[in-house]
Amino acid sequence: MLDFEKDFYSEEVTAIVGVDEAGRGPLAGPVCAAAVIFPKGYQNEDINDSKQLSAKKRDALFDEVKRSALAYGIAFASADEIDELNIYAATQKAMKEAISQLKASYQLILTDAMPLKDLSVPVVPVIKGDAKALCIAGASILAKVTRDRYMEELEKEHPEYRFSVHKGYGTKLHLEELEKNGPLEGIHRKTFGPVKKYYEKQLTLF
């Protein structure tokens, strides 16, 4: 049972936000962040760090998290924003946007190891928070499933890329596709190694 947040509840702190992201590492697609507020005392032994769950289990829990949450928010930062800001700052931007969508009051924010500044309540970054705090694990599920579904839809527009398989991560298949087809404007992250190398290689041909 993930219950790290239980020690943070008090007379003053009655609602806690959990925040996490998915997609910081891929070469393509956006980073997705989610924020979740569960009712105090809510328990669900199935909810865990999204990376520890099967895709089928994540899909089932996606609906459960949304149904059980007092409030939730989901936001993206695009590949262009990642290139402009850097992945760290773009992730923070997406997290703040997800938090801003919450239609419930709260007194504390717990993140999966990500510091956030200039917010109206205290923020506590928790190392491996998605494996400790239920609210962060819930956010990790929303972020992961939302991003995976986004990448699956992207494949319909760009079938030369098997985004439903690799989700934009730098797998052998994706690198082969990149070499064959070239980067997709606004979808591939130009500042990320293999994509950057592709552009550099093209420049040497002229």
N, C-alpha and C. Protein backbone atom coordinates (compact mmCIF):
# COMPACT_ATOMS: atom_id res chain seq x y z
N MET A 1 0.84 -1.21 0.00
CA MET A 1 0.00 0.00 0.00
C MET A 1 0.88 1.26 0.00
N LEU A 2 0.62 2.15 -0.94
CA LEU A 2 1.35 3.41 -1.00
C LEU A 2 0.65 4.42 -0.09
N ASP A 3 1.35 4.88 0.93
CA ASP A 3 0.69 5.78 1.89
C ASP A 3 1.63 6.86 2.41
N PHE A 4 2.63 7.20 1.63
CA PHE A 4 3.63 8.19 2.03
C PHE A 4 2.98 9.50 2.47
N GLU A 5 1.89 9.88 1.81
CA GLU A 5 1.28 11.19 2.07
C GLU A 5 0.54 11.26 3.40
N LYS A 6 0.28 10.11 4.01
CA LYS A 6 -0.55 10.12 5.22
C LYS A 6 0.05 10.98 6.33
N ASP A 7 1.37 11.04 6.40
CA ASP A 7 2.02 11.81 7.46
C ASP A 7 1.95 13.32 7.22
N PHE A 8 1.52 13.73 6.04
CA PHE A 8 1.44 15.16 5.73
C PHE A 8 0.07 15.76 6.07
N TYR A 9 -0.92 14.91 6.27
CA TYR A 9 -2.24 15.42 6.62
C TYR A 9 -2.25 16.01 8.04
N SER A 10 -3.01 17.08 8.21
CA SER A 10 -3.13 17.73 9.52
C SER A 10 -4.42 18.54 9.51
N GLU A 11 -4.63 19.31 10.57
CA GLU A 11 -5.81 20.19 10.58
C GLU A 11 -5.75 21.21 9.47
N GLU A 12 -4.52 21.64 9.14
CA GLU A 12 -4.34 22.64 8.08
C GLU A 12 -4.29 22.02 6.69
N VAL A 13 -3.73 20.81 6.60
CA VAL A 13 -3.57 20.14 5.31
C VAL A 13 -4.59 19.01 5.19
N THR A 14 -5.63 19.27 4.43
CA THR A 14 -6.71 18.29 4.27
C THR A 14 -6.82 17.76 2.85
N ALA A 15 -6.11 18.38 1.91
CA ALA A 15 -6.12 17.92 0.52
C ALA A 15 -4.72 18.06 -0.06
N ILE A 16 -4.21 16.97 -0.63
CA ILE A 16 -2.84 16.92 -1.15
C ILE A 16 -2.86 16.57 -2.64
N VAL A 17 -2.08 17.30 -3.41
CA VAL A 17 -1.96 17.05 -4.85
C VAL A 17 -0.74 16.16 -5.10
N GLY A 18 -0.91 15.14 -5.92
CA GLY A 18 0.22 14.35 -6.42
C GLY A 18 0.47 14.71 -7.86
N VAL A 19 1.74 14.88 -8.24
CA VAL A 19 2.09 15.30 -9.60
C VAL A 19 3.18 14.39 -10.16
N ASP A 20 3.01 13.99 -11.41
CA ASP A 20 4.05 13.19 -12.08
C ASP A 20 3.97 13.44 -13.58
N GLU A 21 4.96 12.90 -14.30
CA GLU A 21 5.02 13.09 -15.75
C GLU A 21 5.31 11.77 -16.44
N ALA A 22 5.12 11.78 -17.76
CA ALA A 22 5.53 10.67 -18.62
C ALA A 22 6.11 11.26 -19.89
N GLY A 23 7.20 10.66 -20.35
CA GLY A 23 7.74 11.08 -21.63
C GLY A 23 8.88 12.06 -21.60
N ARG A 24 9.67 12.05 -20.55
CA ARG A 24 10.85 12.94 -20.55
C ARG A 24 11.96 12.40 -21.45
N GLY A 25 12.02 11.08 -21.60
CA GLY A 25 13.14 10.47 -22.31
C GLY A 25 13.01 10.28 -23.81
N PRO A 26 11.81 10.21 -24.38
CA PRO A 26 11.68 9.91 -25.81
C PRO A 26 12.31 10.93 -26.75
N LEU A 27 12.48 10.50 -27.98
CA LEU A 27 13.01 11.37 -29.04
C LEU A 27 11.89 12.12 -29.75
N ALA A 28 10.66 11.66 -29.55
CA ALA A 28 9.53 12.26 -30.27
C ALA A 28 8.31 12.36 -29.36
N GLY A 29 7.45 13.30 -29.71
CA GLY A 29 6.21 13.48 -28.97
C GLY A 29 6.37 14.42 -27.79
N PRO A 30 5.26 14.76 -27.15
CA PRO A 30 5.27 15.68 -26.02
C PRO A 30 5.64 14.99 -24.72
N VAL A 31 5.92 15.79 -23.71
CA VAL A 31 5.95 15.28 -22.34
C VAL A 31 4.57 15.56 -21.77
N CYS A 32 4.06 14.63 -20.98
CA CYS A 32 2.72 14.78 -20.41
C CYS A 32 2.82 14.78 -18.89
N ALA A 33 2.11 15.70 -18.25
CA ALA A 33 2.09 15.78 -16.79
C ALA A 33 0.66 15.66 -16.30
N ALA A 34 0.51 15.12 -15.11
CA ALA A 34 -0.81 15.00 -14.50
C ALA A 34 -0.74 15.37 -13.03
N ALA A 35 -1.85 15.87 -12.53
CA ALA A 35 -1.99 16.22 -11.11
C ALA A 35 -3.28 15.58 -10.59
N VAL A 36 -3.21 15.00 -9.40
CA VAL A 36 -4.35 14.26 -8.85
C VAL A 36 -4.54 14.60 -7.37
N ILE A 37 -5.78 14.80 -6.98
CA ILE A 37 -6.14 14.91 -5.55
C ILE A 37 -7.10 13.77 -5.22
N PHE A 38 -6.67 12.87 -4.37
CA PHE A 38 -7.55 11.81 -3.88
C PHE A 38 -8.19 12.27 -2.57
N PRO A 39 -9.39 11.77 -2.25
CA PRO A 39 -9.97 12.06 -0.94
C PRO A 39 -9.06 11.54 0.17
N LYS A 40 -8.98 12.27 1.26
CA LYS A 40 -8.20 11.81 2.41
C LYS A 40 -8.71 10.43 2.85
N GLY A 41 -7.80 9.49 3.01
CA GLY A 41 -8.19 8.15 3.43
C GLY A 41 -8.47 7.20 2.28
N TYR A 42 -8.46 7.71 1.05
CA TYR A 42 -8.70 6.84 -0.11
C TYR A 42 -7.60 5.80 -0.20
N GLN A 43 -7.98 4.56 -0.47
CA GLN A 43 -7.02 3.47 -0.61
C GLN A 43 -7.35 2.64 -1.84
N ASN A 44 -6.30 2.20 -2.51
CA ASN A 44 -6.47 1.29 -3.64
C ASN A 44 -5.16 0.54 -3.83
N GLU A 45 -5.17 -0.72 -3.49
CA GLU A 45 -3.93 -1.51 -3.52
C GLU A 45 -3.44 -1.78 -4.94
N ASP A 46 -4.30 -1.55 -5.94
CA ASP A 46 -3.89 -1.80 -7.32
C ASP A 46 -3.07 -0.64 -7.89
N ILE A 47 -3.26 0.56 -7.36
CA ILE A 47 -2.56 1.73 -7.89
C ILE A 47 -1.10 1.68 -7.48
N ASN A 48 -0.23 1.84 -8.48
CA ASN A 48 1.21 1.78 -8.24
C ASN A 48 1.89 2.65 -9.29
N ASP A 49 3.19 2.81 -9.15
CA ASP A 49 3.99 3.46 -10.18
C ASP A 49 3.61 2.88 -11.54
N SER A 50 3.26 3.73 -12.50
CA SER A 50 2.76 3.26 -13.79
C SER A 50 3.75 2.34 -14.50
N LYS A 51 5.05 2.53 -14.24
CA LYS A 51 6.07 1.70 -14.90
C LYS A 51 6.03 0.26 -14.39
N GLN A 52 5.41 0.03 -13.24
CA GLN A 52 5.33 -1.31 -12.67
C GLN A 52 4.06 -2.05 -13.09
N LEU A 53 3.23 -1.41 -13.90
CA LEU A 53 1.94 -1.97 -14.29
C LEU A 53 1.92 -2.33 -15.77
N SER A 54 1.14 -3.34 -16.11
CA SER A 54 0.95 -3.68 -17.52
C SER A 54 0.08 -2.61 -18.19
N ALA A 55 0.14 -2.55 -19.50
CA ALA A 55 -0.67 -1.57 -20.24
C ALA A 55 -2.16 -1.79 -19.96
N LYS A 56 -2.57 -3.05 -19.91
CA LYS A 56 -3.98 -3.37 -19.64
C LYS A 56 -4.39 -2.88 -18.25
N LYS A 57 -3.51 -3.09 -17.26
CA LYS A 57 -3.80 -2.67 -15.89
C LYS A 57 -3.84 -1.14 -15.80
N ARG A 58 -2.90 -0.48 -16.50
CA ARG A 58 -2.90 1.00 -16.50
C ARG A 58 -4.19 1.55 -17.09
N ASP A 59 -4.64 0.94 -18.18
CA ASP A 59 -5.88 1.41 -18.81
C ASP A 59 -7.07 1.30 -17.87
N ALA A 60 -7.15 0.19 -17.15
CA ALA A 60 -8.25 0.01 -16.19
C ALA A 60 -8.15 1.01 -15.05
N LEU A 61 -6.95 1.23 -14.56
CA LEU A 61 -6.75 2.15 -13.43
C LEU A 61 -6.90 3.61 -13.86
N PHE A 62 -6.66 3.90 -15.13
CA PHE A 62 -6.85 5.27 -15.65
C PHE A 62 -8.26 5.75 -15.33
N ASP A 63 -9.25 4.91 -15.64
CA ASP A 63 -10.64 5.28 -15.37
C ASP A 63 -10.92 5.32 -13.87
N GLU A 64 -10.32 4.41 -13.13
CA GLU A 64 -10.52 4.38 -11.68
C GLU A 64 -9.96 5.63 -11.01
N VAL A 65 -8.78 6.06 -11.43
CA VAL A 65 -8.18 7.28 -10.85
C VAL A 65 -9.06 8.49 -11.13
N LYS A 66 -9.51 8.63 -12.36
CA LYS A 66 -10.36 9.78 -12.70
C LYS A 66 -11.69 9.75 -11.93
N ARG A 67 -12.22 8.55 -11.78
CA ARG A 67 -13.50 8.40 -11.08
C ARG A 67 -13.37 8.70 -9.59
N SER A 68 -12.25 8.31 -9.00
CA SER A 68 -12.08 8.43 -7.55
C SER A 68 -11.51 9.77 -7.09
N ALA A 69 -10.85 10.47 -7.98
CA ALA A 69 -10.18 11.72 -7.60
C ALA A 69 -11.19 12.83 -7.29
N LEU A 70 -10.84 13.66 -6.33
CA LEU A 70 -11.62 14.88 -6.08
C LEU A 70 -11.44 15.84 -7.26
N ALA A 71 -10.24 15.82 -7.83
CA ALA A 71 -9.94 16.66 -9.00
C ALA A 71 -8.68 16.11 -9.66
N TYR A 72 -8.57 16.37 -10.95
CA TYR A 72 -7.33 15.99 -11.66
C TYR A 72 -7.12 16.94 -12.83
N GLY A 73 -5.88 17.05 -13.27
CA GLY A 73 -5.54 17.86 -14.43
C GLY A 73 -4.48 17.14 -15.24
N ILE A 74 -4.53 17.32 -16.56
CA ILE A 74 -3.56 16.69 -17.47
C ILE A 74 -3.12 17.72 -18.50
N ALA A 75 -1.81 17.83 -18.71
CA ALA A 75 -1.29 18.84 -19.64
C ALA A 75 -0.08 18.32 -20.39
N PHE A 76 0.15 18.90 -21.56
CA PHE A 76 1.30 18.54 -22.40
C PHE A 76 2.25 19.71 -22.54
N ALA A 77 3.51 19.40 -22.79
CA ALA A 77 4.46 20.36 -23.35
C ALA A 77 4.97 19.72 -24.64
N SER A 78 4.85 20.45 -25.74
CA SER A 78 5.13 19.90 -27.06
C SER A 78 6.63 19.70 -27.30
N ALA A 79 6.94 18.99 -28.38
CA ALA A 79 8.34 18.80 -28.77
C ALA A 79 9.02 20.15 -29.02
N ASP A 80 8.30 21.07 -29.64
CA ASP A 80 8.86 22.41 -29.90
C ASP A 80 9.16 23.14 -28.59
N GLU A 81 8.25 23.02 -27.62
CA GLU A 81 8.48 23.65 -26.31
C GLU A 81 9.67 23.01 -25.61
N ILE A 82 9.81 21.69 -25.75
CA ILE A 82 10.94 20.98 -25.15
C ILE A 82 12.25 21.49 -25.75
N ASP A 83 12.27 21.66 -27.08
CA ASP A 83 13.47 22.18 -27.74
C ASP A 83 13.77 23.62 -27.33
N GLU A 84 12.72 24.38 -27.13
CA GLU A 84 12.91 25.80 -26.79
C GLU A 84 13.34 25.99 -25.34
N LEU A 85 12.71 25.25 -24.44
CA LEU A 85 12.91 25.48 -23.00
C LEU A 85 13.96 24.55 -22.39
N ASN A 86 14.12 23.37 -22.89
CA ASN A 86 14.83 22.17 -22.41
C ASN A 86 13.80 21.28 -21.71
N ILE A 87 14.10 19.98 -21.65
CA ILE A 87 13.12 19.02 -21.18
C ILE A 87 12.75 19.25 -19.71
N TYR A 88 13.70 19.67 -18.92
CA TYR A 88 13.45 19.90 -17.48
C TYR A 88 12.42 21.02 -17.29
N ALA A 89 12.69 22.16 -17.94
CA ALA A 89 11.79 23.31 -17.81
C ALA A 89 10.44 23.04 -18.46
N ALA A 90 10.43 22.32 -19.58
CA ALA A 90 9.17 21.99 -20.26
C ALA A 90 8.31 21.08 -19.38
N THR A 91 8.97 20.16 -18.67
CA THR A 91 8.24 19.27 -17.75
C THR A 91 7.62 20.08 -16.62
N GLN A 92 8.38 21.01 -16.08
CA GLN A 92 7.84 21.87 -15.02
C GLN A 92 6.66 22.68 -15.53
N LYS A 93 6.75 23.18 -16.75
CA LYS A 93 5.65 23.95 -17.35
C LYS A 93 4.39 23.11 -17.46
N ALA A 94 4.54 21.87 -17.94
CA ALA A 94 3.40 20.97 -18.07
C ALA A 94 2.80 20.65 -16.70
N MET A 95 3.66 20.43 -15.70
CA MET A 95 3.17 20.14 -14.36
C MET A 95 2.36 21.30 -13.79
N LYS A 96 2.87 22.50 -13.97
CA LYS A 96 2.14 23.68 -13.46
C LYS A 96 0.81 23.85 -14.17
N GLU A 97 0.77 23.55 -15.46
CA GLU A 97 -0.48 23.64 -16.22
C GLU A 97 -1.48 22.61 -15.71
N ALA A 98 -1.02 21.39 -15.44
CA ALA A 98 -1.91 20.35 -14.90
C ALA A 98 -2.46 20.76 -13.54
N ILE A 99 -1.60 21.32 -12.70
CA ILE A 99 -2.04 21.79 -11.39
C ILE A 99 -3.08 22.90 -11.52
N SER A 100 -2.86 23.79 -12.48
CA SER A 100 -3.77 24.94 -12.66
C SER A 100 -5.18 24.50 -13.06
N GLN A 101 -5.32 23.28 -13.58
CA GLN A 101 -6.63 22.78 -14.00
C GLN A 101 -7.46 22.25 -12.83
N LEU A 102 -6.85 22.06 -11.68
CA LEU A 102 -7.55 21.44 -10.55
C LEU A 102 -8.69 22.33 -10.05
N LYS A 103 -9.87 21.74 -10.00
CA LYS A 103 -11.05 22.49 -9.55
C LYS A 103 -11.44 22.05 -8.14
N ALA A 104 -10.46 22.11 -7.25
CA ALA A 104 -10.67 21.81 -5.84
C ALA A 104 -9.56 22.49 -5.06
N SER A 105 -9.82 22.81 -3.79
CA SER A 105 -8.80 23.46 -2.98
C SER A 105 -7.82 22.42 -2.46
N TYR A 106 -6.59 22.83 -2.20
CA TYR A 106 -5.55 21.95 -1.70
C TYR A 106 -4.53 22.78 -0.94
N GLN A 107 -3.75 22.13 -0.09
CA GLN A 107 -2.81 22.85 0.77
C GLN A 107 -1.35 22.40 0.60
N LEU A 108 -1.12 21.35 -0.19
CA LEU A 108 0.23 20.80 -0.35
C LEU A 108 0.33 20.08 -1.69
N ILE A 109 1.53 20.13 -2.28
CA ILE A 109 1.78 19.42 -3.53
C ILE A 109 2.98 18.48 -3.33
N LEU A 110 2.81 17.23 -3.70
CA LEU A 110 3.91 16.26 -3.71
C LEU A 110 4.23 15.92 -5.16
N THR A 111 5.49 16.02 -5.54
CA THR A 111 5.89 15.69 -6.90
C THR A 111 6.86 14.51 -6.90
N ASP A 112 6.99 13.88 -8.06
CA ASP A 112 7.97 12.81 -8.20
C ASP A 112 9.33 13.43 -8.48
N ALA A 113 9.96 13.90 -7.41
CA ALA A 113 11.35 14.41 -7.43
C ALA A 113 11.54 15.70 -8.23
N MET A 114 10.46 16.38 -8.58
CA MET A 114 10.60 17.61 -9.38
C MET A 114 10.27 18.85 -8.55
N PRO A 115 11.25 19.75 -8.33
CA PRO A 115 10.95 21.00 -7.64
C PRO A 115 10.11 21.92 -8.53
N LEU A 116 9.16 22.60 -7.93
CA LEU A 116 8.33 23.57 -8.64
C LEU A 116 8.29 24.85 -7.83
N LYS A 117 8.55 25.97 -8.47
CA LYS A 117 8.57 27.25 -7.78
C LYS A 117 7.36 28.11 -8.15
N ASP A 118 7.16 29.14 -7.34
CA ASP A 118 6.15 30.16 -7.61
C ASP A 118 4.73 29.61 -7.61
N LEU A 119 4.46 28.67 -6.73
CA LEU A 119 3.10 28.17 -6.56
C LEU A 119 2.55 28.65 -5.22
N SER A 120 1.24 28.58 -5.08
CA SER A 120 0.59 29.20 -3.91
C SER A 120 0.68 28.35 -2.64
N VAL A 121 1.09 27.09 -2.77
CA VAL A 121 1.20 26.21 -1.60
C VAL A 121 2.57 25.54 -1.63
N PRO A 122 3.01 24.98 -0.49
CA PRO A 122 4.32 24.30 -0.46
C PRO A 122 4.37 23.11 -1.41
N VAL A 123 5.57 22.88 -1.95
CA VAL A 123 5.83 21.74 -2.84
C VAL A 123 6.92 20.87 -2.24
N VAL A 124 6.66 19.58 -2.14
CA VAL A 124 7.64 18.63 -1.60
C VAL A 124 8.02 17.65 -2.71
N PRO A 125 9.25 17.74 -3.25
CA PRO A 125 9.70 16.73 -4.22
C PRO A 125 10.05 15.44 -3.47
N VAL A 126 9.54 14.33 -3.94
CA VAL A 126 9.75 13.04 -3.28
C VAL A 126 10.51 12.11 -4.23
N ILE A 127 11.71 11.69 -3.82
CA ILE A 127 12.49 10.76 -4.63
C ILE A 127 11.73 9.44 -4.76
N LYS A 128 11.59 8.96 -6.00
CA LYS A 128 10.80 7.75 -6.29
C LYS A 128 9.39 7.87 -5.73
N GLY A 129 8.84 9.07 -5.83
CA GLY A 129 7.53 9.35 -5.26
C GLY A 129 6.41 8.52 -5.84
N ASP A 130 6.55 8.13 -7.13
CA ASP A 130 5.49 7.35 -7.75
C ASP A 130 5.42 5.92 -7.20
N ALA A 131 6.43 5.52 -6.45
CA ALA A 131 6.41 4.21 -5.80
C ALA A 131 6.16 4.32 -4.30
N LYS A 132 5.88 5.54 -3.83
CA LYS A 132 5.68 5.77 -2.39
C LYS A 132 4.32 6.38 -2.07
N ALA A 133 3.92 7.38 -2.85
CA ALA A 133 2.71 8.14 -2.54
C ALA A 133 1.59 7.78 -3.53
N LEU A 134 0.44 7.46 -3.01
CA LEU A 134 -0.70 7.06 -3.84
C LEU A 134 -1.09 8.16 -4.83
N CYS A 135 -1.07 9.41 -4.36
CA CYS A 135 -1.50 10.50 -5.24
C CYS A 135 -0.52 10.71 -6.40
N ILE A 136 0.77 10.50 -6.15
CA ILE A 136 1.76 10.62 -7.23
C ILE A 136 1.63 9.44 -8.19
N ALA A 137 1.42 8.24 -7.65
CA ALA A 137 1.22 7.06 -8.50
C ALA A 137 -0.01 7.24 -9.38
N GLY A 138 -1.07 7.80 -8.81
CA GLY A 138 -2.28 8.07 -9.60
C GLY A 138 -1.99 9.03 -10.74
N ALA A 139 -1.21 10.06 -10.44
CA ALA A 139 -0.83 11.02 -11.48
C ALA A 139 0.03 10.36 -12.55
N SER A 140 0.91 9.45 -12.13
CA SER A 140 1.78 8.77 -13.09
C SER A 140 0.96 7.93 -14.07
N ILE A 141 -0.11 7.33 -13.58
CA ILE A 141 -0.99 6.53 -14.45
C ILE A 141 -1.72 7.42 -15.46
N LEU A 142 -2.25 8.54 -14.99
CA LEU A 142 -2.94 9.45 -15.91
C LEU A 142 -1.99 9.97 -16.98
N ALA A 143 -0.79 10.34 -16.58
CA ALA A 143 0.18 10.90 -17.53
C ALA A 143 0.63 9.85 -18.54
N LYS A 144 0.94 8.65 -18.06
CA LYS A 144 1.44 7.59 -18.93
C LYS A 144 0.39 7.16 -19.95
N VAL A 145 -0.82 6.89 -19.48
CA VAL A 145 -1.87 6.42 -20.38
C VAL A 145 -2.25 7.50 -21.40
N THR A 146 -2.35 8.73 -20.93
CA THR A 146 -2.70 9.84 -21.84
C THR A 146 -1.65 9.98 -22.92
N ARG A 147 -0.38 9.94 -22.53
CA ARG A 147 0.68 10.10 -23.53
C ARG A 147 0.72 8.91 -24.49
N ASP A 148 0.60 7.70 -23.97
CA ASP A 148 0.61 6.52 -24.84
C ASP A 148 -0.51 6.59 -25.87
N ARG A 149 -1.69 7.00 -25.44
CA ARG A 149 -2.82 7.11 -26.37
C ARG A 149 -2.57 8.20 -27.41
N TYR A 150 -1.94 9.27 -27.00
CA TYR A 150 -1.58 10.35 -27.93
C TYR A 150 -0.64 9.81 -29.01
N MET A 151 0.36 9.04 -28.60
CA MET A 151 1.33 8.51 -29.55
C MET A 151 0.69 7.50 -30.49
N GLU A 152 -0.26 6.73 -29.99
CA GLU A 152 -0.97 5.78 -30.84
C GLU A 152 -1.78 6.49 -31.92
N GLU A 153 -2.39 7.61 -31.55
CA GLU A 153 -3.14 8.42 -32.53
C GLU A 153 -2.19 9.03 -33.55
N LEU A 154 -1.01 9.40 -33.10
CA LEU A 154 -0.01 10.02 -33.98
C LEU A 154 0.41 9.05 -35.10
N GLU A 155 0.43 7.77 -34.78
CA GLU A 155 0.80 6.78 -35.79
C GLU A 155 -0.20 6.76 -36.95
N LYS A 156 -1.45 7.06 -36.66
CA LYS A 156 -2.46 7.08 -37.72
C LYS A 156 -2.15 8.17 -38.75
N GLU A 157 -1.58 9.27 -38.28
CA GLU A 157 -1.21 10.37 -39.17
C GLU A 157 0.13 10.10 -39.85
N HIS A 158 1.00 9.35 -39.18
CA HIS A 158 2.36 9.10 -39.69
C HIS A 158 2.66 7.60 -39.58
N PRO A 159 2.03 6.79 -40.43
CA PRO A 159 2.18 5.33 -40.31
C PRO A 159 3.60 4.82 -40.57
N GLU A 160 4.46 5.69 -41.13
CA GLU A 160 5.85 5.27 -41.33
C GLU A 160 6.60 5.17 -40.01
N TYR A 161 5.99 5.68 -38.95
CA TYR A 161 6.56 5.57 -37.61
C TYR A 161 5.63 4.72 -36.74
N ARG A 162 6.18 3.68 -36.12
CA ARG A 162 5.38 2.78 -35.28
C ARG A 162 5.30 3.33 -33.86
N PHE A 163 4.69 4.51 -33.74
CA PHE A 163 4.61 5.15 -32.43
C PHE A 163 3.82 4.33 -31.42
N SER A 164 2.89 3.50 -31.90
CA SER A 164 2.12 2.66 -30.98
C SER A 164 3.00 1.60 -30.33
N VAL A 165 4.12 1.30 -30.97
CA VAL A 165 5.04 0.28 -30.45
C VAL A 165 6.08 0.90 -29.53
N HIS A 166 6.79 1.92 -30.02
CA HIS A 166 7.91 2.46 -29.23
C HIS A 166 7.60 3.76 -28.49
N LYS A 167 6.42 4.31 -28.75
CA LYS A 167 5.97 5.52 -28.04
C LYS A 167 6.94 6.70 -28.15
N GLY A 168 7.77 6.67 -29.18
CA GLY A 168 8.71 7.78 -29.39
C GLY A 168 10.06 7.60 -28.72
N TYR A 169 10.22 6.52 -27.93
CA TYR A 169 11.50 6.28 -27.28
C TYR A 169 12.55 5.84 -28.31
N GLY A 170 13.81 5.97 -27.96
CA GLY A 170 14.89 5.71 -28.90
C GLY A 170 15.24 4.24 -29.05
N THR A 171 14.27 3.43 -29.41
CA THR A 171 14.49 2.00 -29.61
C THR A 171 15.20 1.76 -30.95
N LYS A 172 15.64 0.54 -31.15
CA LYS A 172 16.28 0.17 -32.42
C LYS A 172 15.32 0.44 -33.59
N LEU A 173 14.06 0.04 -33.42
CA LEU A 173 13.05 0.27 -34.47
C LEU A 173 12.90 1.75 -34.78
N HIS A 174 12.80 2.57 -33.75
CA HIS A 174 12.62 4.01 -33.96
C HIS A 174 13.83 4.63 -34.64
N LEU A 175 15.02 4.21 -34.24
CA LEU A 175 16.24 4.75 -34.86
C LEU A 175 16.33 4.37 -36.33
N GLU A 176 15.88 3.16 -36.66
CA GLU A 176 15.85 2.73 -38.05
C GLU A 176 14.85 3.57 -38.85
N GLU A 177 13.70 3.84 -38.26
CA GLU A 177 12.68 4.68 -38.91
C GLU A 177 13.19 6.10 -39.12
N LEU A 178 13.90 6.59 -38.13
CA LEU A 178 14.45 7.94 -38.20
C LEU A 178 15.46 8.05 -39.34
N GLU A 179 16.31 7.05 -39.47
CA GLU A 179 17.32 7.03 -40.52
C GLU A 179 16.66 6.95 -41.90
N LYS A 180 15.60 6.18 -42.00
CA LYS A 180 14.92 5.96 -43.29
C LYS A 180 14.03 7.14 -43.68
N ASN A 181 13.28 7.68 -42.72
CA ASN A 181 12.22 8.65 -43.04
C ASN A 181 12.56 10.10 -42.69
N GLY A 182 13.54 10.28 -41.81
CA GLY A 182 13.85 11.63 -41.36
C GLY A 182 12.89 12.08 -40.27
N PRO A 183 13.28 13.09 -39.50
CA PRO A 183 12.45 13.57 -38.38
C PRO A 183 11.16 14.23 -38.87
N LEU A 184 10.14 14.16 -38.03
CA LEU A 184 8.87 14.82 -38.30
C LEU A 184 8.88 16.20 -37.63
N GLU A 185 8.61 17.22 -38.41
CA GLU A 185 8.61 18.58 -37.89
C GLU A 185 7.55 18.74 -36.81
N GLY A 186 7.97 19.29 -35.68
CA GLY A 186 7.03 19.52 -34.58
C GLY A 186 6.74 18.29 -33.74
N ILE A 187 7.29 17.16 -34.13
CA ILE A 187 7.05 15.91 -33.40
C ILE A 187 8.35 15.36 -32.82
N HIS A 188 9.41 15.34 -33.61
CA HIS A 188 10.71 14.91 -33.09
C HIS A 188 11.41 16.06 -32.37
N ARG A 189 12.13 15.72 -31.34
CA ARG A 189 12.82 16.71 -30.51
C ARG A 189 14.22 16.96 -31.09
N LYS A 190 14.38 18.10 -31.70
CA LYS A 190 15.61 18.40 -32.45
C LYS A 190 16.85 18.51 -31.56
N THR A 191 16.65 18.76 -30.28
CA THR A 191 17.79 18.91 -29.36
C THR A 191 18.22 17.58 -28.75
N PHE A 192 17.50 16.50 -29.04
CA PHE A 192 17.83 15.19 -28.48
C PHE A 192 18.79 14.47 -29.41
N GLY A 193 19.84 13.87 -28.83
CA GLY A 193 20.97 13.29 -29.53
C GLY A 193 20.75 12.71 -30.91
N PRO A 194 20.03 11.58 -31.07
CA PRO A 194 19.89 10.95 -32.38
C PRO A 194 19.21 11.85 -33.42
N VAL A 195 18.25 12.66 -32.98
CA VAL A 195 17.57 13.57 -33.92
C VAL A 195 18.52 14.69 -34.32
N LYS A 196 19.23 15.22 -33.34
CA LYS A 196 20.21 16.28 -33.59
C LYS A 196 21.29 15.79 -34.56
N LYS A 197 21.73 14.54 -34.35
CA LYS A 197 22.76 13.97 -35.22
C LYS A 197 22.26 13.81 -36.65
N TYR A 198 20.98 13.51 -36.80
CA TYR A 198 20.41 13.37 -38.15
C TYR A 198 20.54 14.70 -38.90
N TYR A 199 20.14 15.79 -38.21
CA TYR A 199 20.23 17.11 -38.85
C TYR A 199 21.68 17.48 -39.16
N GLU A 200 22.57 17.18 -38.23
CA GLU A 200 23.99 17.48 -38.45
C GLU A 200 24.53 16.70 -39.63
N LYS A 201 24.10 15.45 -39.74
CA LYS A 201 24.53 14.60 -40.86
C LYS A 201 24.04 15.19 -42.18
N GLN A 202 22.80 15.67 -42.19
CA GLN A 202 22.25 16.26 -43.42
C GLN A 202 23.05 17.48 -43.86
N LEU A 203 23.49 18.26 -42.87
CA LEU A 203 24.26 19.48 -43.19
C LEU A 203 25.57 19.14 -43.85
N THR A 204 26.17 18.02 -43.49
CA THR A 204 27.47 17.65 -44.06
C THR A 204 27.34 17.16 -45.50
N LEU A 205 26.11 16.88 -45.92
CA LEU A 205 25.90 16.38 -47.29
C LEU A 205 25.87 17.51 -48.32
N PHE A 206 25.81 18.75 -47.81
CA PHE A 206 25.69 19.90 -48.75
C PHE A 206 26.96 20.78 -48.65
